[in-house]
Amino acid sequence: MKDQKSPFIRQYVRASRSPWDDSSTILLLADVVDKQTLELGFTNYIYLHRDSVGSVLGISISQQLLAANPEFSERYLEGIEMYAFLLIHIEDITKFCSLFSAEFEQLFMLKPNVYFAAAEHSWLRLIESS
């Protein structure tokens, strides 16, 4: 994974436009134009932003997804809003990340379906207790 350029995880070579001091992103969702070649489109996307030690800072979403989810007020989400948005799209995220299953498993030590099944329960509890 280190030697190949991947659309799934990206370490910045220049400053990010996000409001965070982030150094990498993980692509959680994008349009799949061609499943065979894994050609991606970026009309609908969700990026997970991480700092230099891998801690989650928040997510950024495309304008298209923001327009389709008017209950959210901005493209950069963190905390409870981030978890709520991820839960709304968890099935699509799981399916998308499964296209990069080997890379996902190297990062999270679980397959996407197992990870997101556990995450769904955890994130729901976080939202309910807030």
N, C-alpha and C. Protein backbone atom coordinates (compact mmCIF):
# COMPACT_ATOMS: atom_id res chain seq x y z
N MET A 1 0.82 -1.19 0.00
CA MET A 1 0.00 0.00 0.00
C MET A 1 0.86 1.25 0.00
N LYS A 2 2.02 1.21 0.65
CA LYS A 2 2.88 2.39 0.74
C LYS A 2 3.40 2.83 -0.62
N ASP A 3 3.73 1.86 -1.48
CA ASP A 3 4.40 2.16 -2.74
C ASP A 3 3.46 2.56 -3.86
N GLN A 4 2.19 2.28 -3.73
CA GLN A 4 1.24 2.59 -4.78
C GLN A 4 0.40 3.79 -4.40
N LYS A 5 0.11 4.63 -5.41
CA LYS A 5 -0.80 5.75 -5.19
C LYS A 5 -2.22 5.22 -5.21
N SER A 6 -2.98 5.56 -4.22
CA SER A 6 -4.34 5.04 -4.08
C SER A 6 -5.32 6.19 -3.91
N PRO A 7 -6.50 6.06 -4.50
CA PRO A 7 -7.51 7.09 -4.26
C PRO A 7 -8.14 6.96 -2.87
N PHE A 8 -7.91 5.80 -2.21
CA PHE A 8 -8.55 5.54 -0.93
C PHE A 8 -7.94 6.34 0.22
N ILE A 9 -6.62 6.41 0.29
CA ILE A 9 -5.95 7.18 1.34
C ILE A 9 -4.93 8.10 0.69
N ARG A 10 -4.89 9.33 1.19
CA ARG A 10 -4.00 10.32 0.60
C ARG A 10 -3.33 11.11 1.70
N GLN A 11 -2.01 11.15 1.63
CA GLN A 11 -1.24 12.00 2.52
C GLN A 11 -0.94 13.28 1.76
N TYR A 12 -1.14 14.42 2.42
CA TYR A 12 -1.00 15.70 1.74
C TYR A 12 0.45 16.00 1.38
N VAL A 13 0.61 16.61 0.22
CA VAL A 13 1.91 17.14 -0.18
C VAL A 13 1.87 18.66 -0.15
N ARG A 14 0.65 19.20 -0.02
CA ARG A 14 0.49 20.65 0.14
C ARG A 14 -0.60 20.90 1.19
N ALA A 15 -0.77 22.12 1.59
CA ALA A 15 -1.72 22.44 2.65
C ALA A 15 -3.15 22.09 2.25
N SER A 16 -3.90 21.59 3.20
CA SER A 16 -5.30 21.24 3.00
C SER A 16 -6.15 22.51 3.05
N ARG A 17 -7.30 22.47 2.39
CA ARG A 17 -8.24 23.60 2.46
C ARG A 17 -9.23 23.44 3.60
N SER A 18 -9.12 22.36 4.33
CA SER A 18 -10.05 22.13 5.43
C SER A 18 -9.73 23.07 6.60
N PRO A 19 -10.66 23.19 7.53
CA PRO A 19 -10.42 24.05 8.71
C PRO A 19 -9.52 23.41 9.76
N TRP A 20 -9.09 22.17 9.51
CA TRP A 20 -8.29 21.44 10.49
C TRP A 20 -6.81 21.41 10.11
N ASP A 21 -5.98 21.08 11.07
CA ASP A 21 -4.56 20.88 10.82
C ASP A 21 -4.38 19.39 10.48
N ASP A 22 -4.88 19.02 9.31
CA ASP A 22 -4.88 17.61 8.91
C ASP A 22 -3.71 17.31 7.99
N SER A 23 -3.32 16.05 7.98
CA SER A 23 -2.21 15.67 7.12
C SER A 23 -2.55 14.53 6.17
N SER A 24 -3.74 13.93 6.33
CA SER A 24 -4.16 12.89 5.40
C SER A 24 -5.68 12.77 5.41
N THR A 25 -6.18 12.14 4.34
CA THR A 25 -7.61 11.86 4.26
C THR A 25 -7.81 10.41 3.83
N ILE A 26 -8.96 9.89 4.20
CA ILE A 26 -9.40 8.59 3.73
C ILE A 26 -10.72 8.83 3.01
N LEU A 27 -10.80 8.35 1.79
CA LEU A 27 -12.01 8.51 0.99
C LEU A 27 -13.03 7.45 1.43
N LEU A 28 -14.10 7.91 2.07
CA LEU A 28 -15.12 6.99 2.54
C LEU A 28 -16.22 6.74 1.52
N LEU A 29 -16.40 7.70 0.60
CA LEU A 29 -17.45 7.55 -0.40
C LEU A 29 -17.13 8.43 -1.60
N ALA A 30 -17.35 7.88 -2.78
CA ALA A 30 -17.27 8.63 -4.03
C ALA A 30 -18.13 7.89 -5.05
N ASP A 31 -18.42 8.55 -6.16
CA ASP A 31 -19.17 7.91 -7.24
C ASP A 31 -18.25 6.93 -7.96
N VAL A 32 -18.73 5.74 -8.20
CA VAL A 32 -17.96 4.76 -8.95
C VAL A 32 -18.41 4.84 -10.41
N VAL A 33 -17.53 5.37 -11.26
CA VAL A 33 -17.83 5.52 -12.67
C VAL A 33 -17.65 4.19 -13.39
N ASP A 34 -16.57 3.49 -13.07
CA ASP A 34 -16.29 2.19 -13.69
C ASP A 34 -15.75 1.25 -12.61
N LYS A 35 -16.54 0.24 -12.28
CA LYS A 35 -16.17 -0.69 -11.20
C LYS A 35 -14.95 -1.54 -11.58
N GLN A 36 -14.80 -1.86 -12.87
CA GLN A 36 -13.68 -2.68 -13.32
C GLN A 36 -12.34 -1.98 -13.10
N THR A 37 -12.26 -0.72 -13.51
CA THR A 37 -11.00 0.03 -13.42
C THR A 37 -10.93 0.87 -12.15
N LEU A 38 -12.00 0.85 -11.36
CA LEU A 38 -12.14 1.69 -10.17
C LEU A 38 -11.97 3.18 -10.50
N GLU A 39 -12.52 3.57 -11.64
CA GLU A 39 -12.55 5.00 -11.98
C GLU A 39 -13.62 5.65 -11.10
N LEU A 40 -13.22 6.74 -10.45
CA LEU A 40 -14.12 7.41 -9.52
C LEU A 40 -14.53 8.78 -10.03
N GLY A 41 -15.73 9.18 -9.65
CA GLY A 41 -16.21 10.53 -9.89
C GLY A 41 -16.40 11.20 -8.53
N PHE A 42 -16.38 12.51 -8.53
CA PHE A 42 -16.41 13.19 -7.22
C PHE A 42 -17.54 14.20 -7.10
N THR A 43 -18.70 13.86 -7.68
CA THR A 43 -19.89 14.68 -7.47
C THR A 43 -20.40 14.47 -6.05
N ASN A 44 -20.38 13.23 -5.61
CA ASN A 44 -20.76 12.87 -4.24
C ASN A 44 -19.55 12.24 -3.56
N TYR A 45 -19.09 12.87 -2.49
CA TYR A 45 -17.94 12.28 -1.79
C TYR A 45 -17.99 12.60 -0.31
N ILE A 46 -17.32 11.75 0.46
CA ILE A 46 -17.09 11.97 1.89
C ILE A 46 -15.62 11.62 2.15
N TYR A 47 -14.89 12.57 2.71
CA TYR A 47 -13.50 12.34 3.11
C TYR A 47 -13.41 12.38 4.63
N LEU A 48 -12.67 11.45 5.20
CA LEU A 48 -12.34 11.45 6.63
C LEU A 48 -10.99 12.12 6.77
N HIS A 49 -10.91 13.20 7.55
CA HIS A 49 -9.66 13.95 7.73
C HIS A 49 -8.98 13.50 9.01
N ARG A 50 -7.65 13.29 8.92
CA ARG A 50 -6.87 12.82 10.06
C ARG A 50 -5.65 13.71 10.27
N ASP A 51 -5.19 13.78 11.50
CA ASP A 51 -3.98 14.57 11.79
C ASP A 51 -2.74 13.71 11.56
N SER A 52 -1.59 14.24 11.92
CA SER A 52 -0.31 13.57 11.62
C SER A 52 -0.11 12.25 12.36
N VAL A 53 -0.87 12.00 13.42
CA VAL A 53 -0.76 10.72 14.12
C VAL A 53 -1.98 9.83 13.87
N GLY A 54 -2.84 10.23 12.94
CA GLY A 54 -3.96 9.40 12.53
C GLY A 54 -5.27 9.65 13.26
N SER A 55 -5.30 10.61 14.18
CA SER A 55 -6.55 10.89 14.89
C SER A 55 -7.56 11.55 13.95
N VAL A 56 -8.82 11.18 14.13
CA VAL A 56 -9.90 11.73 13.30
C VAL A 56 -10.19 13.17 13.73
N LEU A 57 -10.25 14.05 12.72
CA LEU A 57 -10.56 15.45 12.97
C LEU A 57 -11.99 15.79 12.55
N GLY A 58 -12.47 15.14 11.50
CA GLY A 58 -13.81 15.40 11.00
C GLY A 58 -13.94 14.85 9.59
N ILE A 59 -15.07 15.17 8.95
CA ILE A 59 -15.29 14.77 7.57
C ILE A 59 -15.59 15.99 6.72
N SER A 60 -15.29 15.87 5.44
CA SER A 60 -15.74 16.87 4.48
C SER A 60 -16.64 16.15 3.49
N ILE A 61 -17.70 16.85 3.09
CA ILE A 61 -18.68 16.28 2.16
C ILE A 61 -18.81 17.19 0.95
N SER A 62 -19.22 16.60 -0.15
CA SER A 62 -19.38 17.36 -1.39
C SER A 62 -20.58 18.31 -1.28
N GLN A 63 -20.57 19.32 -2.12
CA GLN A 63 -21.70 20.26 -2.18
C GLN A 63 -22.99 19.50 -2.52
N GLN A 64 -22.89 18.51 -3.39
CA GLN A 64 -24.05 17.72 -3.80
C GLN A 64 -24.66 16.98 -2.61
N LEU A 65 -23.82 16.36 -1.79
CA LEU A 65 -24.33 15.67 -0.60
C LEU A 65 -24.89 16.65 0.42
N LEU A 66 -24.27 17.81 0.54
CA LEU A 66 -24.79 18.84 1.45
C LEU A 66 -26.17 19.28 0.99
N ALA A 67 -26.33 19.52 -0.31
CA ALA A 67 -27.63 19.94 -0.85
C ALA A 67 -28.69 18.86 -0.65
N ALA A 68 -28.30 17.59 -0.72
CA ALA A 68 -29.23 16.48 -0.55
C ALA A 68 -29.57 16.22 0.92
N ASN A 69 -28.81 16.83 1.82
CA ASN A 69 -29.02 16.66 3.27
C ASN A 69 -29.10 18.03 3.92
N PRO A 70 -30.18 18.78 3.70
CA PRO A 70 -30.27 20.17 4.16
C PRO A 70 -30.27 20.35 5.68
N GLU A 71 -30.42 19.26 6.42
CA GLU A 71 -30.36 19.37 7.89
C GLU A 71 -28.95 19.65 8.38
N PHE A 72 -27.97 19.52 7.50
CA PHE A 72 -26.58 19.84 7.83
C PHE A 72 -26.23 21.18 7.19
N SER A 73 -25.52 22.01 7.93
CA SER A 73 -25.34 23.40 7.49
C SER A 73 -24.03 23.69 6.78
N GLU A 74 -23.06 22.78 6.86
CA GLU A 74 -21.79 23.07 6.20
C GLU A 74 -21.11 21.79 5.72
N ARG A 75 -20.09 21.96 4.88
CA ARG A 75 -19.38 20.84 4.26
C ARG A 75 -18.40 20.15 5.21
N TYR A 76 -17.98 20.83 6.26
CA TYR A 76 -17.02 20.26 7.21
C TYR A 76 -17.76 19.94 8.51
N LEU A 77 -17.77 18.66 8.87
CA LEU A 77 -18.53 18.21 10.04
C LEU A 77 -17.61 17.49 11.02
N GLU A 78 -17.91 17.66 12.29
CA GLU A 78 -17.16 16.96 13.33
C GLU A 78 -18.12 16.60 14.46
N GLY A 79 -17.65 15.77 15.37
CA GLY A 79 -18.46 15.39 16.53
C GLY A 79 -19.77 14.71 16.15
N ILE A 80 -20.82 15.03 16.90
CA ILE A 80 -22.12 14.38 16.73
C ILE A 80 -22.67 14.56 15.32
N GLU A 81 -22.48 15.74 14.75
CA GLU A 81 -22.95 15.97 13.37
C GLU A 81 -22.25 15.02 12.39
N MET A 82 -20.97 14.82 12.58
CA MET A 82 -20.20 13.91 11.73
C MET A 82 -20.77 12.49 11.85
N TYR A 83 -20.97 12.02 13.08
CA TYR A 83 -21.49 10.66 13.27
C TYR A 83 -22.88 10.51 12.66
N ALA A 84 -23.73 11.52 12.82
CA ALA A 84 -25.08 11.47 12.26
C ALA A 84 -25.03 11.38 10.74
N PHE A 85 -24.17 12.17 10.12
CA PHE A 85 -24.04 12.14 8.66
C PHE A 85 -23.53 10.79 8.19
N LEU A 86 -22.52 10.27 8.87
CA LEU A 86 -21.97 8.97 8.51
C LEU A 86 -23.02 7.86 8.65
N LEU A 87 -23.84 7.95 9.68
CA LEU A 87 -24.89 6.93 9.86
C LEU A 87 -25.92 6.98 8.75
N ILE A 88 -26.26 8.16 8.29
CA ILE A 88 -27.22 8.30 7.18
C ILE A 88 -26.70 7.57 5.94
N HIS A 89 -25.40 7.61 5.74
CA HIS A 89 -24.79 7.08 4.51
C HIS A 89 -24.00 5.79 4.74
N ILE A 90 -24.20 5.13 5.89
CA ILE A 90 -23.34 4.01 6.26
C ILE A 90 -23.40 2.83 5.28
N GLU A 91 -24.55 2.57 4.69
CA GLU A 91 -24.63 1.46 3.73
C GLU A 91 -23.81 1.75 2.48
N ASP A 92 -23.94 2.96 1.96
CA ASP A 92 -23.16 3.35 0.78
C ASP A 92 -21.66 3.39 1.09
N ILE A 93 -21.32 3.87 2.28
CA ILE A 93 -19.91 3.93 2.69
C ILE A 93 -19.33 2.51 2.78
N THR A 94 -20.07 1.61 3.40
CA THR A 94 -19.62 0.22 3.54
C THR A 94 -19.40 -0.41 2.18
N LYS A 95 -20.34 -0.23 1.29
CA LYS A 95 -20.24 -0.79 -0.07
C LYS A 95 -19.03 -0.19 -0.80
N PHE A 96 -18.84 1.13 -0.69
CA PHE A 96 -17.72 1.78 -1.36
C PHE A 96 -16.38 1.29 -0.79
N CYS A 97 -16.26 1.28 0.52
CA CYS A 97 -15.00 0.86 1.15
C CYS A 97 -14.68 -0.60 0.86
N SER A 98 -15.70 -1.40 0.58
CA SER A 98 -15.47 -2.80 0.23
C SER A 98 -14.71 -2.93 -1.09
N LEU A 99 -14.78 -1.92 -1.93
CA LEU A 99 -14.00 -1.92 -3.18
C LEU A 99 -12.51 -1.81 -2.89
N PHE A 100 -12.18 -1.30 -1.72
CA PHE A 100 -10.78 -1.12 -1.28
C PHE A 100 -10.53 -1.96 -0.03
N SER A 101 -11.11 -3.14 0.00
CA SER A 101 -11.12 -3.97 1.20
C SER A 101 -9.72 -4.24 1.77
N ALA A 102 -8.75 -4.57 0.91
CA ALA A 102 -7.40 -4.87 1.40
C ALA A 102 -6.77 -3.64 2.04
N GLU A 103 -6.90 -2.49 1.39
CA GLU A 103 -6.35 -1.25 1.96
C GLU A 103 -7.06 -0.88 3.25
N PHE A 104 -8.39 -1.02 3.26
CA PHE A 104 -9.17 -0.73 4.45
C PHE A 104 -8.72 -1.60 5.61
N GLU A 105 -8.53 -2.88 5.34
CA GLU A 105 -8.13 -3.81 6.39
C GLU A 105 -6.73 -3.50 6.93
N GLN A 106 -5.84 -3.00 6.07
CA GLN A 106 -4.51 -2.59 6.54
C GLN A 106 -4.61 -1.40 7.50
N LEU A 107 -5.56 -0.52 7.26
CA LEU A 107 -5.72 0.67 8.11
C LEU A 107 -6.47 0.39 9.40
N PHE A 108 -7.55 -0.39 9.30
CA PHE A 108 -8.46 -0.55 10.44
C PHE A 108 -8.44 -1.96 11.04
N MET A 109 -7.67 -2.88 10.45
CA MET A 109 -7.51 -4.25 10.93
C MET A 109 -8.81 -5.05 10.95
N LEU A 110 -9.80 -4.58 10.20
CA LEU A 110 -11.08 -5.28 10.05
C LEU A 110 -11.57 -5.06 8.62
N LYS A 111 -12.40 -5.97 8.15
CA LYS A 111 -13.03 -5.77 6.86
C LYS A 111 -14.08 -4.66 6.99
N PRO A 112 -14.36 -3.92 5.91
CA PRO A 112 -15.31 -2.80 6.00
C PRO A 112 -16.67 -3.18 6.60
N ASN A 113 -17.24 -4.31 6.21
CA ASN A 113 -18.57 -4.67 6.72
C ASN A 113 -18.54 -4.91 8.23
N VAL A 114 -17.48 -5.51 8.73
CA VAL A 114 -17.35 -5.76 10.17
C VAL A 114 -17.12 -4.44 10.91
N TYR A 115 -16.23 -3.62 10.39
CA TYR A 115 -15.91 -2.34 11.01
C TYR A 115 -17.16 -1.45 11.11
N PHE A 116 -17.87 -1.30 9.99
CA PHE A 116 -19.01 -0.39 10.00
C PHE A 116 -20.21 -0.92 10.76
N ALA A 117 -20.35 -2.24 10.87
CA ALA A 117 -21.41 -2.81 11.71
C ALA A 117 -21.15 -2.43 13.17
N ALA A 118 -19.91 -2.55 13.61
CA ALA A 118 -19.56 -2.16 14.98
C ALA A 118 -19.65 -0.65 15.16
N ALA A 119 -19.18 0.09 14.16
CA ALA A 119 -19.22 1.56 14.23
C ALA A 119 -20.65 2.06 14.33
N GLU A 120 -21.56 1.44 13.60
CA GLU A 120 -22.96 1.87 13.62
C GLU A 120 -23.51 1.84 15.04
N HIS A 121 -23.28 0.75 15.76
CA HIS A 121 -23.75 0.64 17.14
C HIS A 121 -23.09 1.68 18.04
N SER A 122 -21.80 1.85 17.89
CA SER A 122 -21.06 2.81 18.71
C SER A 122 -21.52 4.24 18.44
N TRP A 123 -21.65 4.59 17.17
CA TRP A 123 -22.04 5.96 16.81
C TRP A 123 -23.48 6.26 17.26
N LEU A 124 -24.36 5.27 17.16
CA LEU A 124 -25.74 5.47 17.64
C LEU A 124 -25.75 5.75 19.14
N ARG A 125 -24.97 5.01 19.90
CA ARG A 125 -24.87 5.24 21.35
C ARG A 125 -24.33 6.64 21.64
N LEU A 126 -23.32 7.07 20.90
CA LEU A 126 -22.78 8.42 21.10
C LEU A 126 -23.83 9.49 20.87
N ILE A 127 -24.61 9.32 19.81
CA ILE A 127 -25.65 10.30 19.49
C ILE A 127 -26.76 10.28 20.55
N GLU A 128 -27.17 9.10 20.94
CA GLU A 128 -28.23 8.97 21.95
C GLU A 128 -27.81 9.55 23.30
N SER A 129 -26.55 9.48 23.63
CA SER A 129 -26.10 9.97 24.94
C SER A 129 -25.71 11.46 24.91
N SER A 130 -25.81 12.08 23.76
CA SER A 130 -25.43 13.52 23.69
C SER A 130 -26.60 14.42 24.01
